[in-house]
Amino acid sequence: MTTTAEALSAQAVKLPPEERMEVVERILDSLDEPDAVLDALWAKEADDRLAAYRRGEVKAVALSEVIAKYRVNAKPA
């Protein structure tokens, strides 16, 4: 990590939690650049999945079942 990054980190950890979260969100937003090709691929994937569901090729699973599955299999940190 550069000296500048070290200094910024040291200052950031002194901020109240709400302000640290705002800083994190701004940094993450700066990394999230639009990508038309990737957006088009995700849109096609979503359309394909919905069409497969409507054709009966895949079934839906209730969110509560998914959450229960991962809670049971989750390892304590």
Protein backbone atom coordinates (compact mmCIF):
# COMPACT_ATOMS: atom_id res chain seq x y z
CA MET A 1 0.00 0.00 0.00
CA THR A 2 1.31 3.44 -0.87
CA THR A 3 2.03 6.10 1.74
CA THR A 4 -0.99 8.05 0.54
CA ALA A 5 -3.26 5.03 0.86
CA GLU A 6 -1.87 4.29 4.32
CA ALA A 7 -2.52 7.87 5.43
CA LEU A 8 -6.06 7.82 4.05
CA SER A 9 -6.77 4.50 5.76
CA ALA A 10 -5.46 5.80 9.06
CA GLN A 11 -7.72 8.84 8.79
CA ALA A 12 -10.74 6.81 7.64
CA VAL A 13 -10.69 4.42 10.61
CA LYS A 14 -10.99 7.42 12.94
CA LEU A 15 -14.33 8.43 11.37
CA PRO A 16 -17.67 7.47 12.93
CA PRO A 17 -19.12 4.26 11.42
CA GLU A 18 -21.71 6.13 9.33
CA GLU A 19 -19.07 8.32 7.71
CA ARG A 20 -16.77 5.35 7.09
CA MET A 21 -19.64 3.62 5.29
CA GLU A 22 -20.16 6.70 3.12
CA VAL A 23 -16.46 6.68 2.21
CA VAL A 24 -16.62 2.97 1.35
CA GLU A 25 -19.71 3.50 -0.80
CA ARG A 26 -18.06 6.35 -2.70
CA ILE A 27 -14.95 4.28 -3.34
CA LEU A 28 -16.99 1.30 -4.51
CA ASP A 29 -19.12 3.55 -6.74
CA SER A 30 -15.94 4.88 -8.34
CA LEU A 31 -15.02 1.30 -9.32
CA ASP A 32 -18.41 0.47 -10.79
CA GLU A 33 -18.14 1.67 -14.36
CA PRO A 34 -20.99 0.93 -16.76
CA ASP A 35 -20.28 -1.76 -19.34
CA ALA A 36 -22.88 -1.94 -22.10
CA VAL A 37 -21.66 -5.34 -23.32
CA LEU A 38 -21.82 -6.87 -19.85
CA ASP A 39 -25.23 -5.29 -19.20
CA ALA A 40 -26.54 -6.78 -22.46
CA LEU A 41 -25.19 -10.22 -21.53
CA TRP A 42 -26.89 -10.10 -18.11
CA ALA A 43 -30.16 -8.92 -19.68
CA LYS A 44 -30.06 -11.83 -22.15
CA GLU A 45 -29.30 -14.27 -19.31
CA ALA A 46 -32.25 -12.94 -17.30
CA ASP A 47 -34.54 -13.22 -20.33
CA ASP A 48 -33.33 -16.77 -21.03
CA ARG A 49 -33.90 -17.83 -17.42
CA LEU A 50 -37.40 -16.34 -17.36
CA ALA A 51 -38.27 -18.04 -20.65
CA ALA A 52 -36.99 -21.40 -19.34
CA TYR A 53 -39.10 -20.95 -16.20
CA ARG A 54 -42.19 -20.14 -18.25
CA ARG A 55 -41.59 -23.21 -20.44
CA GLY A 56 -41.43 -25.33 -17.28
CA GLU A 57 -37.78 -26.28 -17.81
CA VAL A 58 -36.75 -24.96 -14.40
CA LYS A 59 -38.71 -24.66 -11.22
CA ALA A 60 -38.74 -21.89 -8.69
CA VAL A 61 -37.61 -22.41 -5.13
CA ALA A 62 -39.04 -20.34 -2.30
CA LEU A 63 -36.61 -17.84 -0.83
CA SER A 64 -37.27 -19.26 2.63
CA GLU A 65 -36.05 -22.69 1.43
CA VAL A 66 -32.86 -21.23 0.02
CA ILE A 67 -32.14 -19.29 3.20
CA ALA A 68 -32.87 -22.32 5.36
CA LYS A 69 -30.50 -24.44 3.26
CA TYR A 70 -27.61 -22.05 3.71
CA ARG A 71 -28.28 -21.45 7.39
CA VAL A 72 -28.08 -25.19 8.04
CA ASN A 73 -24.89 -25.56 6.03
CA ALA A 74 -23.26 -22.36 7.26
CA LYS A 75 -20.13 -22.76 9.31
CA PRO A 76 -19.60 -20.48 12.31
CA ALA A 77 -17.04 -17.75 11.70
